Structure formats: C-alpha cells, structure tokens
Amino acid sequence: MVATVRLDENLTTTLNKVSKILHKKKSDVIREAIKYYALNVEKGAKSRMLTAIGKTKEIDKKDFKDFEGTFDDGI
C-alpha cells in the first residue's frame, strides 16, 4: 500500500534529521514510528482495562462483604 502523508516544516525537518542519524530511509523511519505508536496504544489500552478490572473487583468485594453480613442479621 502506498500512503501519502502531509508534514509541516517542523516534522519534515525532524524526519530528515532522524533519517540521517539512523542511516535509514525516511519511509523506514515512518514505518517504525507507526509500529512503535501502535504498540504503545495497545499497552495503554491494556493498562486501562486492567485498572478498570481492579476497580470492579474492589467494588465486588465490598458488595459481597455487605451481602455476607446480612446472613446473620436475624431475618
């Protein structure tokens, strides 16, 4: 697939510098940047999901303890 990306002057300068420093083609730098970005997005999503699961577990524990306490209330 071929993609066209418009870059402002600052990003163009940055891409050129990174490309020269790494001795890589600009297209290779862009591909690696996309892979790196995607990996970090996935890690962030996983982290947010694990945090939500942890919060849900804590709420469930509290609800269970509250419910469990009603067993001996004499009803």
N, C-alpha and C. Protein backbone atom coordinates (compact mmCIF):
# COMPACT_ATOMS: atom_id res chain seq x y z
N MET A 1 0.84 -1.18 0.00
CA MET A 1 0.00 0.00 0.00
C MET A 1 0.88 1.24 0.00
N VAL A 2 0.47 2.20 -0.74
CA VAL A 2 1.16 3.48 -0.76
C VAL A 2 0.28 4.49 -0.04
N ALA A 3 0.90 5.26 0.87
CA ALA A 3 0.16 6.29 1.60
C ALA A 3 0.88 7.62 1.43
N THR A 4 0.11 8.66 1.28
CA THR A 4 0.67 9.99 1.19
C THR A 4 0.38 10.71 2.50
N VAL A 5 1.44 11.29 3.06
CA VAL A 5 1.30 11.99 4.34
C VAL A 5 1.83 13.40 4.16
N ARG A 6 1.05 14.35 4.62
CA ARG A 6 1.50 15.75 4.56
C ARG A 6 2.13 16.11 5.90
N LEU A 7 3.34 16.63 5.84
CA LEU A 7 4.06 17.02 7.05
C LEU A 7 4.33 18.51 7.02
N ASP A 8 4.21 19.13 8.20
CA ASP A 8 4.58 20.54 8.26
C ASP A 8 6.10 20.65 8.25
N GLU A 9 6.60 21.85 8.22
CA GLU A 9 8.04 22.07 8.09
C GLU A 9 8.82 21.46 9.25
N ASN A 10 8.27 21.59 10.48
CA ASN A 10 8.97 21.05 11.65
C ASN A 10 9.08 19.53 11.59
N LEU A 11 7.99 18.86 11.23
CA LEU A 11 8.04 17.40 11.13
C LEU A 11 8.94 16.95 9.99
N THR A 12 8.95 17.68 8.91
CA THR A 12 9.84 17.34 7.79
C THR A 12 11.29 17.43 8.23
N THR A 13 11.62 18.49 8.95
CA THR A 13 12.98 18.66 9.45
C THR A 13 13.34 17.54 10.42
N THR A 14 12.42 17.22 11.31
CA THR A 14 12.65 16.15 12.28
C THR A 14 12.85 14.81 11.58
N LEU A 15 12.00 14.51 10.62
CA LEU A 15 12.12 13.25 9.88
C LEU A 15 13.46 13.17 9.16
N ASN A 16 13.85 14.25 8.53
CA ASN A 16 15.15 14.26 7.84
C ASN A 16 16.30 14.02 8.81
N LYS A 17 16.26 14.68 9.98
CA LYS A 17 17.33 14.51 10.97
C LYS A 17 17.39 13.07 11.47
N VAL A 18 16.24 12.52 11.84
CA VAL A 18 16.19 11.16 12.36
C VAL A 18 16.67 10.18 11.30
N SER A 19 16.25 10.39 10.09
CA SER A 19 16.65 9.52 8.99
C SER A 19 18.17 9.52 8.82
N LYS A 20 18.77 10.68 8.89
CA LYS A 20 20.24 10.78 8.74
C LYS A 20 20.95 10.16 9.93
N ILE A 21 20.44 10.42 11.14
CA ILE A 21 21.09 9.88 12.34
C ILE A 21 21.07 8.36 12.33
N LEU A 22 19.94 7.79 11.94
CA LEU A 22 19.79 6.33 11.95
C LEU A 22 20.30 5.67 10.68
N HIS A 23 20.66 6.48 9.68
CA HIS A 23 21.09 5.97 8.39
C HIS A 23 20.03 5.06 7.78
N LYS A 24 18.79 5.54 7.83
CA LYS A 24 17.66 4.78 7.29
C LYS A 24 16.87 5.67 6.35
N LYS A 25 16.12 5.01 5.47
CA LYS A 25 15.23 5.74 4.57
C LYS A 25 14.12 6.37 5.40
N LYS A 26 13.62 7.50 4.91
CA LYS A 26 12.52 8.17 5.61
C LYS A 26 11.30 7.25 5.73
N SER A 27 11.03 6.48 4.71
CA SER A 27 9.88 5.57 4.75
C SER A 27 10.06 4.51 5.85
N ASP A 28 11.31 4.06 6.05
CA ASP A 28 11.58 3.09 7.12
C ASP A 28 11.36 3.72 8.50
N VAL A 29 11.79 4.95 8.65
CA VAL A 29 11.59 5.66 9.92
C VAL A 29 10.10 5.82 10.20
N ILE A 30 9.34 6.16 9.20
CA ILE A 30 7.89 6.33 9.37
C ILE A 30 7.23 5.01 9.73
N ARG A 31 7.61 3.92 9.05
CA ARG A 31 7.04 2.61 9.37
C ARG A 31 7.35 2.21 10.82
N GLU A 32 8.60 2.42 11.23
CA GLU A 32 8.98 2.07 12.60
C GLU A 32 8.24 2.95 13.61
N ALA A 33 8.04 4.21 13.28
CA ALA A 33 7.31 5.11 14.18
C ALA A 33 5.86 4.66 14.35
N ILE A 34 5.24 4.21 13.27
CA ILE A 34 3.86 3.73 13.34
C ILE A 34 3.79 2.47 14.20
N LYS A 35 4.73 1.55 14.01
CA LYS A 35 4.75 0.32 14.82
C LYS A 35 4.93 0.66 16.30
N TYR A 36 5.84 1.56 16.60
CA TYR A 36 6.10 1.98 17.97
C TYR A 36 4.85 2.61 18.58
N TYR A 37 4.20 3.48 17.84
CA TYR A 37 2.99 4.15 18.30
C TYR A 37 1.88 3.14 18.56
N ALA A 38 1.69 2.22 17.64
CA ALA A 38 0.64 1.21 17.78
C ALA A 38 0.89 0.35 19.02
N LEU A 39 2.12 -0.04 19.24
CA LEU A 39 2.46 -0.85 20.41
C LEU A 39 2.13 -0.10 21.69
N ASN A 40 2.44 1.17 21.76
CA ASN A 40 2.16 1.97 22.95
C ASN A 40 0.67 2.20 23.14
N VAL A 41 -0.07 2.34 22.07
CA VAL A 41 -1.52 2.48 22.17
C VAL A 41 -2.10 1.20 22.75
N GLU A 42 -1.63 0.06 22.27
CA GLU A 42 -2.11 -1.24 22.77
C GLU A 42 -1.77 -1.41 24.25
N LYS A 43 -0.56 -1.04 24.64
CA LYS A 43 -0.16 -1.14 26.04
C LYS A 43 -1.03 -0.24 26.91
N GLY A 44 -1.31 0.96 26.43
CA GLY A 44 -2.15 1.89 27.19
C GLY A 44 -3.56 1.37 27.36
N ALA A 45 -4.10 0.78 26.30
CA ALA A 45 -5.46 0.22 26.37
C ALA A 45 -5.49 -0.95 27.35
N LYS A 46 -4.47 -1.79 27.30
CA LYS A 46 -4.41 -2.93 28.21
C LYS A 46 -4.30 -2.44 29.65
N SER A 47 -3.49 -1.43 29.87
CA SER A 47 -3.32 -0.89 31.21
C SER A 47 -4.63 -0.31 31.75
N ARG A 48 -5.36 0.41 30.90
CA ARG A 48 -6.65 0.98 31.32
C ARG A 48 -7.65 -0.12 31.63
N MET A 49 -7.64 -1.18 30.84
CA MET A 49 -8.55 -2.31 31.08
C MET A 49 -8.22 -3.00 32.40
N LEU A 50 -6.94 -3.22 32.68
CA LEU A 50 -6.54 -3.86 33.93
C LEU A 50 -6.90 -2.99 35.13
N THR A 51 -6.77 -1.69 35.00
CA THR A 51 -7.16 -0.77 36.07
C THR A 51 -8.66 -0.86 36.31
N ALA A 52 -9.44 -0.88 35.24
CA ALA A 52 -10.90 -0.98 35.38
C ALA A 52 -11.29 -2.31 36.03
N ILE A 53 -10.63 -3.39 35.65
CA ILE A 53 -10.91 -4.69 36.24
C ILE A 53 -10.59 -4.67 37.73
N GLY A 54 -9.48 -4.07 38.10
CA GLY A 54 -9.10 -3.97 39.50
C GLY A 54 -10.12 -3.19 40.31
N LYS A 55 -10.60 -2.09 39.77
CA LYS A 55 -11.62 -1.29 40.46
C LYS A 55 -12.91 -2.08 40.61
N THR A 56 -13.29 -2.81 39.59
CA THR A 56 -14.50 -3.62 39.63
C THR A 56 -14.38 -4.71 40.70
N LYS A 57 -13.22 -5.33 40.78
CA LYS A 57 -13.00 -6.37 41.80
C LYS A 57 -13.17 -5.80 43.20
N GLU A 58 -12.63 -4.61 43.42
CA GLU A 58 -12.73 -3.98 44.74
C GLU A 58 -14.18 -3.68 45.10
N ILE A 59 -14.94 -3.18 44.14
CA ILE A 59 -16.36 -2.90 44.37
C ILE A 59 -17.11 -4.20 44.65
N ASP A 60 -16.81 -5.24 43.87
CA ASP A 60 -17.46 -6.54 44.08
C ASP A 60 -17.15 -7.10 45.47
N LYS A 61 -15.90 -6.94 45.92
CA LYS A 61 -15.52 -7.42 47.26
C LYS A 61 -16.35 -6.72 48.33
N LYS A 62 -16.49 -5.41 48.18
CA LYS A 62 -17.26 -4.64 49.16
C LYS A 62 -18.72 -5.07 49.13
N ASP A 63 -19.28 -5.20 47.96
CA ASP A 63 -20.68 -5.62 47.84
C ASP A 63 -20.88 -7.01 48.44
N PHE A 64 -19.94 -7.92 48.21
CA PHE A 64 -20.04 -9.27 48.75
C PHE A 64 -19.98 -9.24 50.28
N LYS A 65 -19.06 -8.45 50.83
CA LYS A 65 -18.96 -8.34 52.29
C LYS A 65 -20.24 -7.77 52.88
N ASP A 66 -20.82 -6.76 52.22
CA ASP A 66 -22.08 -6.18 52.69
C ASP A 66 -23.19 -7.23 52.64
N PHE A 67 -23.24 -7.99 51.57
CA PHE A 67 -24.25 -9.03 51.41
C PHE A 67 -24.04 -10.15 52.43
N GLU A 68 -22.78 -10.55 52.60
CA GLU A 68 -22.44 -11.61 53.53
C GLU A 68 -22.85 -11.25 54.95
N GLY A 69 -22.75 -9.98 55.28
CA GLY A 69 -23.13 -9.50 56.60
C GLY A 69 -24.60 -9.66 56.90
N THR A 70 -25.44 -9.78 55.86
CA THR A 70 -26.87 -9.91 56.08
C THR A 70 -27.27 -11.34 56.48
N PHE A 71 -26.36 -12.31 56.36
CA PHE A 71 -26.69 -13.70 56.71
C PHE A 71 -26.99 -13.85 58.20
N ASP A 72 -26.36 -13.07 59.02
CA ASP A 72 -26.53 -13.21 60.47
C ASP A 72 -27.36 -12.09 61.08
N ASP A 73 -28.16 -11.44 60.29
CA ASP A 73 -28.93 -10.30 60.83
C ASP A 73 -30.26 -10.71 61.45
N GLY A 74 -30.52 -12.01 61.53
CA GLY A 74 -31.71 -12.49 62.21
C GLY A 74 -32.97 -12.53 61.38
N ILE A 75 -32.86 -12.38 60.09
CA ILE A 75 -34.04 -12.42 59.24
C ILE A 75 -34.36 -13.85 58.90
